[in-house]
PDB file of all heavy atoms in Angstrom:
ATOM      1  N   GLU A   1      30.960  49.831 111.047  1.00  0.00           N
ATOM      2  CA  GLU A   1      32.272  50.005 110.569  1.00  0.00           C
ATOM      3  C   GLU A   1      32.701  49.136 109.402  1.00  0.00           C
ATOM      4  O   GLU A   1      32.137  48.070 109.264  1.00  0.00           O
ATOM      5  CB  GLU A   1      33.186  49.808 111.771  1.00  0.00           C
ATOM      6  CG  GLU A   1      33.008  50.781 112.898  1.00  0.00           C
ATOM      7  CD  GLU A   1      33.458  52.275 112.562  1.00  0.00           C
ATOM      8  OE1 GLU A   1      34.122  52.445 111.658  1.00  0.00           O
ATOM      9  OE2 GLU A   1      32.857  53.182 113.257  1.00  0.00           O
ATOM     10  N   PRO A   2      33.739  49.423 108.547  1.00  0.00           N
ATOM     11  CA  PRO A   2      34.374  50.650 108.476  1.00  0.00           C
ATOM     12  C   PRO A   2      33.527  51.765 107.933  1.00  0.00           C
ATOM     13  O   PRO A   2      32.620  51.500 107.186  1.00  0.00           O
ATOM     14  CB  PRO A   2      35.552  50.312 107.549  1.00  0.00           C
ATOM     15  CG  PRO A   2      34.955  49.291 106.772  1.00  0.00           C
ATOM     16  CD  PRO A   2      34.078  48.424 107.558  1.00  0.00           C
ATOM     17  N   ARG A   3      33.973  52.984 108.090  1.00  0.00           N
ATOM     18  CA  ARG A   3      33.310  54.136 107.559  1.00  0.00           C
ATOM     19  C   ARG A   3      34.107  54.983 106.582  1.00  0.00           C
ATOM     20  O   ARG A   3      35.333  54.865 106.517  1.00  0.00           O
ATOM     21  CB  ARG A   3      32.785  55.094 108.669  1.00  0.00           C
ATOM     22  CG  ARG A   3      31.938  54.350 109.665  1.00  0.00           C
ATOM     23  CD  ARG A   3      31.288  55.462 110.679  1.00  0.00           C
ATOM     24  NE  ARG A   3      30.421  54.903 111.617  1.00  0.00           N
ATOM     25  CZ  ARG A   3      29.634  55.399 112.518  1.00  0.00           C
ATOM     26  NH1 ARG A   3      29.726  56.791 112.439  1.00  0.00           N
ATOM     27  NH2 ARG A   3      28.831  54.808 113.255  1.00  0.00           N
ATOM     28  N   HIS A   4      33.435  55.522 105.559  1.00  0.00           N
ATOM     29  CA  HIS A   4      34.074  56.369 104.479  1.00  0.00           C
ATOM     30  C   HIS A   4      33.386  57.753 104.517  1.00  0.00           C
ATOM     31  O   HIS A   4      32.210  57.945 104.827  1.00  0.00           O
ATOM     32  CB  HIS A   4      34.051  55.695 103.271  1.00  0.00           C
ATOM     33  CG  HIS A   4      34.597  54.294 103.341  1.00  0.00           C
ATOM     34  ND1 HIS A   4      35.934  54.012 103.589  1.00  0.00           N
ATOM     35  CD2 HIS A   4      33.979  53.171 103.173  1.00  0.00           C
ATOM     36  CE1 HIS A   4      36.037  52.666 103.504  1.00  0.00           C
ATOM     37  NE2 HIS A   4      34.940  52.070 103.332  1.00  0.00           N
ATOM     38  N   ARG A   5      34.110  58.720 103.883  1.00  0.00           N
ATOM     39  CA  ARG A   5      33.493  60.094 103.597  1.00  0.00           C
ATOM     40  C   ARG A   5      33.116  60.202 102.067  1.00  0.00           C
ATOM     41  O   ARG A   5      33.978  59.839 101.278  1.00  0.00           O
ATOM     42  CB  ARG A   5      34.499  61.232 104.032  1.00  0.00           C
ATOM     43  CG  ARG A   5      34.774  61.000 105.560  1.00  0.00           C
ATOM     44  CD  ARG A   5      35.850  62.053 105.958  1.00  0.00           C
ATOM     45  NE  ARG A   5      35.317  63.472 105.788  1.00  0.00           N
ATOM     46  CZ  ARG A   5      34.562  64.127 106.750  1.00  0.00           C
ATOM     47  NH1 ARG A   5      34.213  63.460 107.823  1.00  0.00           N
ATOM     48  NH2 ARG A   5      34.176  65.352 106.464  1.00  0.00           N
ATOM     49  N   VAL A   6      31.945  60.688 101.924  1.00  0.00           N
ATOM     50  CA  VAL A   6      31.460  60.884 100.429  1.00  0.00           C
ATOM     51  C   VAL A   6      31.071  62.347 100.380  1.00  0.00           C
ATOM     52  O   VAL A   6      30.342  62.990 101.173  1.00  0.00           O
ATOM     53  CB  VAL A   6      30.156  60.037 100.233  1.00  0.00           C
ATOM     54  CG1 VAL A   6      29.658  60.312  98.863  1.00  0.00           C
ATOM     55  CG2 VAL A   6      30.432  58.510 100.482  1.00  0.00           C
ATOM     56  N   HIS A   7      31.763  62.926  99.313  1.00  0.00           N
ATOM     57  CA  HIS A   7      31.607  64.426  98.990  1.00  0.00           C
ATOM     58  C   HIS A   7      30.610  64.492  97.781  1.00  0.00           C
ATOM     59  O   HIS A   7      30.997  64.056  96.793  1.00  0.00           O
ATOM     60  CB  HIS A   7      32.852  65.005  98.744  1.00  0.00           C
ATOM     61  CG  HIS A   7      32.729  66.565  98.339  1.00  0.00           C
ATOM     62  ND1 HIS A   7      32.145  67.455  99.204  1.00  0.00           N
ATOM     63  CD2 HIS A   7      33.087  67.232  97.143  1.00  0.00           C
ATOM     64  CE1 HIS A   7      32.050  68.696  98.539  1.00  0.00           C
ATOM     65  NE2 HIS A   7      32.640  68.464  97.342  1.00  0.00           N
ATOM     66  N   PHE A   8      29.473  65.024  98.012  1.00  0.00           N
ATOM     67  CA  PHE A   8      28.574  65.170  96.917  1.00  0.00           C
ATOM     68  C   PHE A   8      28.834  66.577  96.201  1.00  0.00           C
ATOM     69  O   PHE A   8      28.699  67.662  96.971  1.00  0.00           O
ATOM     70  CB  PHE A   8      26.981  65.193  97.448  1.00  0.00           C
ATOM     71  CG  PHE A   8      26.558  63.738  97.849  1.00  0.00           C
ATOM     72  CD1 PHE A   8      26.693  63.409  99.086  1.00  0.00           C
ATOM     73  CD2 PHE A   8      26.158  62.842  96.882  1.00  0.00           C
ATOM     74  CE1 PHE A   8      26.293  62.154  99.491  1.00  0.00           C
ATOM     75  CE2 PHE A   8      25.689  61.580  97.257  1.00  0.00           C
ATOM     76  CZ  PHE A   8      25.904  61.200  98.535  1.00  0.00           C
ATOM     77  N   ILE A   9      29.408  66.494  95.072  1.00  0.00           N
ATOM     78  CA  ILE A   9      30.025  67.867  94.495  1.00  0.00           C
ATOM     79  C   ILE A   9      29.028  68.867  94.206  1.00  0.00           C
ATOM     80  O   ILE A   9      29.169  69.987  94.591  1.00  0.00           O
ATOM     81  CB  ILE A   9      30.811  67.397  93.204  1.00  0.00           C
ATOM     82  CG1 ILE A   9      31.893  66.379  93.507  1.00  0.00           C
ATOM     83  CG2 ILE A   9      31.416  68.659  92.612  1.00  0.00           C
ATOM     84  CD1 ILE A   9      32.450  65.803  92.206  1.00  0.00           C
ATOM     85  N   LYS A  10      27.900  68.589  93.554  1.00  0.00           N
ATOM     86  CA  LYS A  10      26.948  69.719  93.122  1.00  0.00           C
ATOM     87  C   LYS A  10      26.351  70.177  94.392  1.00  0.00           C
ATOM     88  O   LYS A  10      26.027  71.368  94.468  1.00  0.00           O
ATOM     89  CB  LYS A  10      25.835  69.030  92.322  1.00  0.00           C
ATOM     90  CG  LYS A  10      26.396  68.745  90.851  1.00  0.00           C
ATOM     91  CD  LYS A  10      25.189  68.156  89.959  1.00  0.00           C
ATOM     92  CE  LYS A  10      25.743  67.733  88.758  1.00  0.00           C
ATOM     93  NZ  LYS A  10      24.545  67.171  87.846  1.00  0.00           N
ATOM     94  N   SER A  11      26.010  69.365  95.427  1.00  0.00           N
ATOM     95  CA  SER A  11      25.362  69.933  96.686  1.00  0.00           C
ATOM     96  C   SER A  11      26.415  70.445  97.675  1.00  0.00           C
ATOM     97  O   SER A  11      26.094  71.107  98.576  1.00  0.00           O
ATOM     98  CB  SER A  11      24.618  68.721  97.324  1.00  0.00           C
ATOM     99  OG  SER A  11      23.764  68.222  96.384  1.00  0.00           O
ATOM    100  N   ASP A  12      27.722  70.125  97.423  1.00  0.00           N
ATOM    101  CA  ASP A  12      28.781  70.640  98.153  1.00  0.00           C
ATOM    102  C   ASP A  12      28.617  70.229  99.706  1.00  0.00           C
ATOM    103  O   ASP A  12      28.630  70.990 100.662  1.00  0.00           O
ATOM    104  CB  ASP A  12      29.009  72.274  98.162  1.00  0.00           C
ATOM    105  CG  ASP A  12      30.268  72.653  98.857  1.00  0.00           C
ATOM    106  OD1 ASP A  12      31.155  71.794  98.871  1.00  0.00           O
ATOM    107  OD2 ASP A  12      30.336  73.835  99.110  1.00  0.00           O
ATOM    108  N   ARG A  13      28.221  68.950  99.775  1.00  0.00           N
ATOM    109  CA  ARG A  13      27.992  68.276 101.101  1.00  0.00           C
ATOM    110  C   ARG A  13      29.006  67.078 101.271  1.00  0.00           C
ATOM    111  O   ARG A  13      29.157  66.177 100.291  1.00  0.00           O
ATOM    112  CB  ARG A  13      26.587  67.773 101.313  1.00  0.00           C
ATOM    113  CG  ARG A  13      25.524  68.897 101.265  1.00  0.00           C
ATOM    114  CD  ARG A  13      25.423  69.521 102.579  1.00  0.00           C
ATOM    115  NE  ARG A  13      25.134  68.650 103.617  1.00  0.00           N
ATOM    116  CZ  ARG A  13      23.920  68.135 103.861  1.00  0.00           C
ATOM    117  NH1 ARG A  13      22.930  68.523 103.088  1.00  0.00           N
ATOM    118  NH2 ARG A  13      23.758  67.303 104.899  1.00  0.00           N
ATOM    119  N   THR A  14      29.655  67.055 102.445  1.00  0.00           N
ATOM    120  CA  THR A  14      30.516  65.869 102.723  1.00  0.00           C
ATOM    121  C   THR A  14      29.807  65.130 103.926  1.00  0.00           C
ATOM    122  O   THR A  14      29.578  65.688 104.987  1.00  0.00           O
ATOM    123  CB  THR A  14      31.919  66.234 103.082  1.00  0.00           C
ATOM    124  OG1 THR A  14      32.436  66.961 101.966  1.00  0.00           O
ATOM    125  CG2 THR A  14      32.680  64.921 103.335  1.00  0.00           C
ATOM    126  N   VAL A  15      29.493  63.825 103.668  1.00  0.00           N
ATOM    127  CA  VAL A  15      28.799  62.943 104.867  1.00  0.00           C
ATOM    128  C   VAL A  15      29.530  61.674 105.038  1.00  0.00           C
ATOM    129  O   VAL A  15      30.322  61.198 104.214  1.00  0.00           O
ATOM    130  CB  VAL A  15      27.412  62.843 104.442  1.00  0.00           C
ATOM    131  CG1 VAL A  15      26.640  64.119 104.351  1.00  0.00           C
ATOM    132  CG2 VAL A  15      27.246  62.084 103.172  1.00  0.00           C
ATOM    133  N   GLU A  16      29.243  61.031 106.153  1.00  0.00           N
ATOM    134  CA  GLU A  16      29.710  59.817 106.389  1.00  0.00           C
ATOM    135  C   GLU A  16      28.893  58.708 105.954  1.00  0.00           C
ATOM    136  O   GLU A  16      27.673  58.855 106.000  1.00  0.00           O
ATOM    137  CB  GLU A  16      30.093  59.626 107.940  1.00  0.00           C
ATOM    138  CG  GLU A  16      31.422  60.134 108.429  1.00  0.00           C
ATOM    139  CD  GLU A  16      31.837  59.554 109.788  1.00  0.00           C
ATOM    140  OE1 GLU A  16      30.939  59.249 110.591  1.00  0.00           O
ATOM    141  OE2 GLU A  16      33.078  59.509 110.140  1.00  0.00           O
ATOM    142  N   THR A  17      29.620  57.522 105.710  1.00  0.00           N
ATOM    143  CA  THR A  17      28.859  56.324 105.349  1.00  0.00           C
ATOM    144  C   THR A  17      29.634  55.141 105.717  1.00  0.00           C
ATOM    145  O   THR A  17      30.679  55.169 106.118  1.00  0.00           O
ATOM    146  CB  THR A  17      28.453  56.377 103.739  1.00  0.00           C
ATOM    147  OG1 THR A  17      27.528  55.239 103.488  1.00  0.00           O
ATOM    148  CG2 THR A  17      29.768  56.099 102.978  1.00  0.00           C
ATOM    149  N   ASP A  18      28.896  53.934 105.436  1.00  0.00           N
ATOM    150  CA  ASP A  18      29.612  52.727 105.807  1.00  0.00           C
ATOM    151  C   ASP A  18      29.654  51.916 104.511  1.00  0.00           C
ATOM    152  O   ASP A  18      29.306  52.442 103.286  1.00  0.00           O
ATOM    153  CB  ASP A  18      29.003  51.961 106.921  1.00  0.00           C
ATOM    154  CG  ASP A  18      27.569  51.582 106.662  1.00  0.00           C
ATOM    155  OD1 ASP A  18      26.950  51.697 105.543  1.00  0.00           O
ATOM    156  OD2 ASP A  18      26.902  51.276 107.735  1.00  0.00           O
ATOM    157  N   GLU A  19      29.842  50.544 104.534  1.00  0.00           N
ATOM    158  CA  GLU A  19      29.824  49.682 103.395  1.00  0.00           C
ATOM    159  C   GLU A  19      28.709  48.900 103.090  1.00  0.00           C
ATOM    160  O   GLU A  19      28.565  47.958 102.426  1.00  0.00           O
ATOM    161  CB  GLU A  19      31.127  48.699 103.420  1.00  0.00           C
ATOM    162  CG  GLU A  19      32.377  49.601 103.494  1.00  0.00           C
ATOM    163  CD  GLU A  19      33.636  48.706 103.323  1.00  0.00           C
ATOM    164  OE1 GLU A  19      33.551  47.357 103.549  1.00  0.00           O
ATOM    165  OE2 GLU A  19      34.802  49.241 103.273  1.00  0.00           O
ATOM    166  N   THR A  20      27.446  49.430 103.694  1.00  0.00           N
ATOM    167  CA  THR A  20      26.207  48.757 103.454  1.00  0.00           C
ATOM    168  C   THR A  20      25.102  49.659 102.890  1.00  0.00           C
ATOM    169  O   THR A  20      24.245  49.271 102.367  1.00  0.00           O
ATOM    170  CB  THR A  20      25.567  48.189 104.811  1.00  0.00           C
ATOM    171  OG1 THR A  20      25.374  49.147 105.636  1.00  0.00           O
ATOM    172  CG2 THR A  20      26.668  47.109 105.459  1.00  0.00           C
ATOM    173  N   VAL A  21      25.265  50.975 103.142  1.00  0.00           N
ATOM    174  CA  VAL A  21      24.304  52.069 102.786  1.00  0.00           C
ATOM    175  C   VAL A  21      24.589  52.357 101.258  1.00  0.00           C
ATOM    176  O   VAL A  21      25.737  52.741 100.922  1.00  0.00           O
ATOM    177  CB  VAL A  21      24.423  53.282 103.648  1.00  0.00           C
ATOM    178  CG1 VAL A  21      23.395  54.383 103.226  1.00  0.00           C
ATOM    179  CG2 VAL A  21      24.073  52.945 105.038  1.00  0.00           C
ATOM    180  N   THR A  22      23.575  52.262 100.359  1.00  0.00           N
ATOM    181  CA  THR A  22      23.772  52.751  99.054  1.00  0.00           C
ATOM    182  C   THR A  22      23.877  54.245  98.968  1.00  0.00           C
ATOM    183  O   THR A  22      23.491  54.989  99.922  1.00  0.00           O
ATOM    184  CB  THR A  22      22.534  52.226  98.059  1.00  0.00           C
ATOM    185  OG1 THR A  22      21.388  52.960  98.555  1.00  0.00           O
ATOM    186  CG2 THR A  22      22.287  50.715  98.214  1.00  0.00           C
ATOM    187  N   LEU A  23      24.458  54.710  97.807  1.00  0.00           N
ATOM    188  CA  LEU A  23      24.583  56.071  97.539  1.00  0.00           C
ATOM    189  C   LEU A  23      23.247  56.962  97.538  1.00  0.00           C
ATOM    190  O   LEU A  23      23.127  57.979  97.985  1.00  0.00           O
ATOM    191  CB  LEU A  23      25.346  56.386  96.311  1.00  0.00           C
ATOM    192  CG  LEU A  23      26.826  55.811  96.225  1.00  0.00           C
ATOM    193  CD1 LEU A  23      27.481  56.123  94.903  1.00  0.00           C
ATOM    194  CD2 LEU A  23      27.654  56.523  97.473  1.00  0.00           C
ATOM    195  N   LEU A  24      22.213  56.197  96.883  1.00  0.00           N
ATOM    196  CA  LEU A  24      20.909  56.801  97.003  1.00  0.00           C
ATOM    197  C   LEU A  24      20.328  56.959  98.338  1.00  0.00           C
ATOM    198  O   LEU A  24      19.786  58.039  98.636  1.00  0.00           O
ATOM    199  CB  LEU A  24      19.929  55.977  96.034  1.00  0.00           C
ATOM    200  CG  LEU A  24      18.632  56.425  95.888  1.00  0.00           C
ATOM    201  CD1 LEU A  24      18.430  57.895  95.444  1.00  0.00           C
ATOM    202  CD2 LEU A  24      17.785  55.493  95.033  1.00  0.00           C
ATOM    203  N   GLU A  25      20.450  55.810  99.030  1.00  0.00           N
ATOM    204  CA  GLU A  25      19.952  55.993 100.602  1.00  0.00           C
ATOM    205  C   GLU A  25      20.769  57.011 101.317  1.00  0.00           C
ATOM    206  O   GLU A  25      20.168  57.829 102.176  1.00  0.00           O
ATOM    207  CB  GLU A  25      20.189  54.570 101.191  1.00  0.00           C
ATOM    208  CG  GLU A  25      19.290  53.465 100.660  1.00  0.00           C
ATOM    209  CD  GLU A  25      19.541  52.132 101.114  1.00  0.00           C
ATOM    210  OE1 GLU A  25      20.792  51.959 101.652  1.00  0.00           O
ATOM    211  OE2 GLU A  25      18.772  51.282 101.210  1.00  0.00           O
ATOM    212  N   LEU A  26      22.038  57.065 101.011  1.00  0.00           N
ATOM    213  CA  LEU A  26      22.894  58.211 101.684  1.00  0.00           C
ATOM    214  C   LEU A  26      22.383  59.509 101.291  1.00  0.00           C
ATOM    215  O   LEU A  26      22.386  60.433 102.258  1.00  0.00           O
ATOM    216  CB  LEU A  26      24.305  58.000 101.367  1.00  0.00           C
ATOM    217  CG  LEU A  26      25.281  58.860 102.065  1.00  0.00           C
ATOM    218  CD1 LEU A  26      25.385  58.526 103.662  1.00  0.00           C
ATOM    219  CD2 LEU A  26      26.686  58.671 101.495  1.00  0.00           C
ATOM    220  N   ALA A  27      22.174  59.840 100.082  1.00  0.00           N
ATOM    221  CA  ALA A  27      21.712  61.040  99.598  1.00  0.00           C
ATOM    222  C   ALA A  27      20.343  61.437 100.176  1.00  0.00           C
ATOM    223  O   ALA A  27      20.089  62.620 100.621  1.00  0.00           O
ATOM    224  CB  ALA A  27      21.592  61.065  98.057  1.00  0.00           C
ATOM    225  N   GLU A  28      19.454  60.413 100.208  1.00  0.00           N
ATOM    226  CA  GLU A  28      18.038  60.674 100.822  1.00  0.00           C
ATOM    227  C   GLU A  28      18.209  60.982 102.291  1.00  0.00           C
ATOM    228  O   GLU A  28      17.417  61.852 102.784  1.00  0.00           O
ATOM    229  CB  GLU A  28      17.267  59.380 100.519  1.00  0.00           C
ATOM    230  CG  GLU A  28      16.806  59.237  99.109  1.00  0.00           C
ATOM    231  CD  GLU A  28      15.971  57.921  98.973  1.00  0.00           C
ATOM    232  OE1 GLU A  28      16.264  56.916  99.736  1.00  0.00           O
ATOM    233  OE2 GLU A  28      15.030  57.995  98.048  1.00  0.00           O
ATOM    234  N   ALA A  29      19.012  60.342 102.972  1.00  0.00           N
ATOM    235  CA  ALA A  29      19.219  60.545 104.421  1.00  0.00           C
ATOM    236  C   ALA A  29      19.688  61.973 104.757  1.00  0.00           C
ATOM    237  O   ALA A  29      19.393  62.362 105.862  1.00  0.00           O
ATOM    238  CB  ALA A  29      20.198  59.468 104.974  1.00  0.00           C
ATOM    239  N   HIS A  30      20.394  62.600 103.756  1.00  0.00           N
ATOM    240  CA  HIS A  30      20.920  63.992 104.023  1.00  0.00           C
ATOM    241  C   HIS A  30      20.131  64.997 103.203  1.00  0.00           C
ATOM    242  O   HIS A  30      20.617  66.145 103.170  1.00  0.00           O
ATOM    243  CB  HIS A  30      22.422  63.916 103.889  1.00  0.00           C
ATOM    244  CG  HIS A  30      23.158  63.089 104.808  1.00  0.00           C
ATOM    245  ND1 HIS A  30      23.427  63.608 106.079  1.00  0.00           N
ATOM    246  CD2 HIS A  30      23.593  61.811 104.763  1.00  0.00           C
ATOM    247  CE1 HIS A  30      24.130  62.663 106.772  1.00  0.00           C
ATOM    248  NE2 HIS A  30      24.224  61.508 105.959  1.00  0.00           N
ATOM    249  N   GLY A  31      19.004  64.630 102.681  1.00  0.00           N
ATOM    250  CA  GLY A  31      18.367  65.721 101.964  1.00  0.00           C
ATOM    251  C   GLY A  31      18.908  66.116 100.644  1.00  0.00           C
ATOM    252  O   GLY A  31      18.666  67.218 100.219  1.00  0.00           O
ATOM    253  N   ILE A  32      19.693  65.186 100.028  1.00  0.00           N
ATOM    254  CA  ILE A  32      20.368  65.628  98.693  1.00  0.00           C
ATOM    255  C   ILE A  32      19.632  65.073  97.614  1.00  0.00           C
ATOM    256  O   ILE A  32      19.314  63.912  97.525  1.00  0.00           O
ATOM    257  CB  ILE A  32      21.960  64.934  98.747  1.00  0.00           C
ATOM    258  CG1 ILE A  32      22.666  65.762  99.944  1.00  0.00           C
ATOM    259  CG2 ILE A  32      22.627  65.244  97.460  1.00  0.00           C
ATOM    260  CD1 ILE A  32      24.007  64.972 100.156  1.00  0.00           C
ATOM    261  N   GLU A  33      19.184  66.009  96.637  1.00  0.00           N
ATOM    262  CA  GLU A  33      18.397  65.537  95.497  1.00  0.00           C
ATOM    263  C   GLU A  33      19.168  64.628  94.579  1.00  0.00           C
ATOM    264  O   GLU A  33      20.350  65.028  94.291  1.00  0.00           O
ATOM    265  CB  GLU A  33      17.966  66.859  94.784  1.00  0.00           C
ATOM    266  CG  GLU A  33      16.979  67.669  95.523  1.00  0.00           C
ATOM    267  CD  GLU A  33      15.560  66.963  95.734  1.00  0.00           C
ATOM    268  OE1 GLU A  33      15.252  66.218  94.708  1.00  0.00           O
ATOM    269  OE2 GLU A  33      14.954  67.063  96.766  1.00  0.00           O
ATOM    270  N   MET A  34      18.525  63.734  94.225  1.00  0.00           N
ATOM    271  CA  MET A  34      19.225  62.657  93.249  1.00  0.00           C
ATOM    272  C   MET A  34      17.912  61.999  92.475  1.00  0.00           C
ATOM    273  O   MET A  34      16.996  61.489  93.037  1.00  0.00           O
ATOM    274  CB  MET A  34      19.915  61.652  93.931  1.00  0.00           C
ATOM    275  CG  MET A  34      20.653  60.702  92.965  1.00  0.00           C
ATOM    276  SD  MET A  34      21.842  59.559  93.959  1.00  0.00           S
ATOM    277  CE  MET A  34      23.132  60.725  94.525  1.00  0.00           C
ATOM    278  N   ASP A  35      18.051  61.931  91.132  1.00  0.00           N
ATOM    279  CA  ASP A  35      16.989  61.404  90.310  1.00  0.00           C
ATOM    280  C   ASP A  35      17.060  59.858  90.542  1.00  0.00           C
ATOM    281  O   ASP A  35      18.132  59.184  90.560  1.00  0.00           O
ATOM    282  CB  ASP A  35      17.249  61.702  88.800  1.00  0.00           C
ATOM    283  CG  ASP A  35      16.946  63.269  88.576  1.00  0.00           C
ATOM    284  OD1 ASP A  35      16.127  63.847  89.370  1.00  0.00           O
ATOM    285  OD2 ASP A  35      17.599  63.797  87.656  1.00  0.00           O
ATOM    286  N   TYR A  36      15.897  59.211  90.432  1.00  0.00           N
ATOM    287  CA  TYR A  36      15.774  57.734  90.503  1.00  0.00           C
ATOM    288  C   TYR A  36      14.400  57.403  90.120  1.00  0.00           C
ATOM    289  O   TYR A  36      13.423  58.188  90.000  1.00  0.00           O
ATOM    290  CB  TYR A  36      16.005  57.361  91.846  1.00  0.00           C
ATOM    291  CG  TYR A  36      15.061  57.532  92.930  1.00  0.00           C
ATOM    292  CD1 TYR A  36      13.977  56.694  93.139  1.00  0.00           C
ATOM    293  CD2 TYR A  36      15.135  58.726  93.584  1.00  0.00           C
ATOM    294  CE1 TYR A  36      13.051  57.111  94.166  1.00  0.00           C
ATOM    295  CE2 TYR A  36      14.253  59.076  94.574  1.00  0.00           C
ATOM    296  CZ  TYR A  36      13.121  58.281  94.788  1.00  0.00           C
ATOM    297  OH  TYR A  36      12.197  58.646  95.769  1.00  0.00           O
ATOM    298  N   ALA A  37      14.114  56.145  89.771  1.00  0.00           N
ATOM    299  CA  ALA A  37      12.811  55.630  89.512  1.00  0.00           C
ATOM    300  C   ALA A  37      12.595  54.270  90.048  1.00  0.00           C
ATOM    301  O   ALA A  37      11.570  54.059  90.812  1.00  0.00           O
ATOM    302  CB  ALA A  37      12.532  55.661  88.001  1.00  0.00           C
ATOM    303  N   CYS A  38      13.422  53.354  89.613  1.00  0.00           N
ATOM    304  CA  CYS A  38      13.156  51.887  90.108  1.00  0.00           C
ATOM    305  C   CYS A  38      13.701  51.425  91.319  1.00  0.00           C
ATOM    306  O   CYS A  38      13.233  50.514  91.928  1.00  0.00           O
ATOM    307  CB  CYS A  38      13.463  51.047  88.890  1.00  0.00           C
ATOM    308  SG  CYS A  38      15.271  50.830  88.656  1.00  0.00           S
ATOM    309  N   ARG A  39      14.824  51.965  91.689  1.00  0.00           N
ATOM    310  CA  ARG A  39      15.676  51.590  92.936  1.00  0.00           C
ATOM    311  C   ARG A  39      16.230  50.223  92.791  1.00  0.00           C
ATOM    312  O   ARG A  39      16.561  49.564  93.720  1.00  0.00           O
ATOM    313  CB  ARG A  39      14.838  51.651  94.187  1.00  0.00           C
ATOM    314  CG  ARG A  39      14.243  53.071  94.293  1.00  0.00           C
ATOM    315  CD  ARG A  39      13.500  53.142  95.700  1.00  0.00           C
ATOM    316  NE  ARG A  39      14.488  53.217  96.829  1.00  0.00           N
ATOM    317  CZ  ARG A  39      14.916  54.336  97.468  1.00  0.00           C
ATOM    318  NH1 ARG A  39      14.422  55.512  97.000  1.00  0.00           N
ATOM    319  NH2 ARG A  39      15.707  54.228  98.377  1.00  0.00           N
ATOM    320  N   THR A  40      16.223  49.564  91.490  1.00  0.00           N
ATOM    321  CA  THR A  40      16.846  48.187  91.375  1.00  0.00           C
ATOM    322  C   THR A  40      17.957  48.144  90.293  1.00  0.00           C
ATOM    323  O   THR A  40      18.339  47.088  89.910  1.00  0.00           O
ATOM    324  CB  THR A  40      15.617  47.281  90.994  1.00  0.00           C
ATOM    325  OG1 THR A  40      15.225  47.694  89.674  1.00  0.00           O
ATOM    326  CG2 THR A  40      14.492  47.257  91.889  1.00  0.00           C
ATOM    327  N   GLY A  41      18.347  49.318  89.751  1.00  0.00           N
ATOM    328  CA  GLY A  41      19.389  49.248  88.858  1.00  0.00           C
ATOM    329  C   GLY A  41      18.884  48.956  87.356  1.00  0.00           C
ATOM    330  O   GLY A  41      19.687  48.771  86.589  1.00  0.00           O
ATOM    331  N   SER A  42      17.548  49.160  87.220  1.00  0.00           N
ATOM    332  CA  SER A  42      17.076  48.757  85.929  1.00  0.00           C
ATOM    333  C   SER A  42      16.836  50.025  84.989  1.00  0.00           C
ATOM    334  O   SER A  42      16.745  49.886  83.787  1.00  0.00           O
ATOM    335  CB  SER A  42      15.608  48.005  86.117  1.00  0.00           C
ATOM    336  OG  SER A  42      15.725  46.992  86.864  1.00  0.00           O
ATOM    337  N   CYS A  43      16.645  51.119  85.524  1.00  0.00           N
ATOM    338  CA  CYS A  43      16.246  52.319  84.884  1.00  0.00           C
ATOM    339  C   CYS A  43      17.432  53.341  84.402  1.00  0.00           C
ATOM    340  O   CYS A  43      17.230  54.047  83.451  1.00  0.00           O
ATOM    341  CB  CYS A  43      15.141  53.145  85.532  1.00  0.00           C
ATOM    342  SG  CYS A  43      15.663  53.898  87.021  1.00  0.00           S
TER     343      CYS A  43
END
């Protein structure tokens, strides 16, 4: 806690998250495709 709702527009999915899970981790957890490479904010 606390929790928030995130709506992924292109995927048309609304999921719950908290204030520790990154958006990339959240997308992966729900099978939502998102481009990435480094996972450190470098690319």
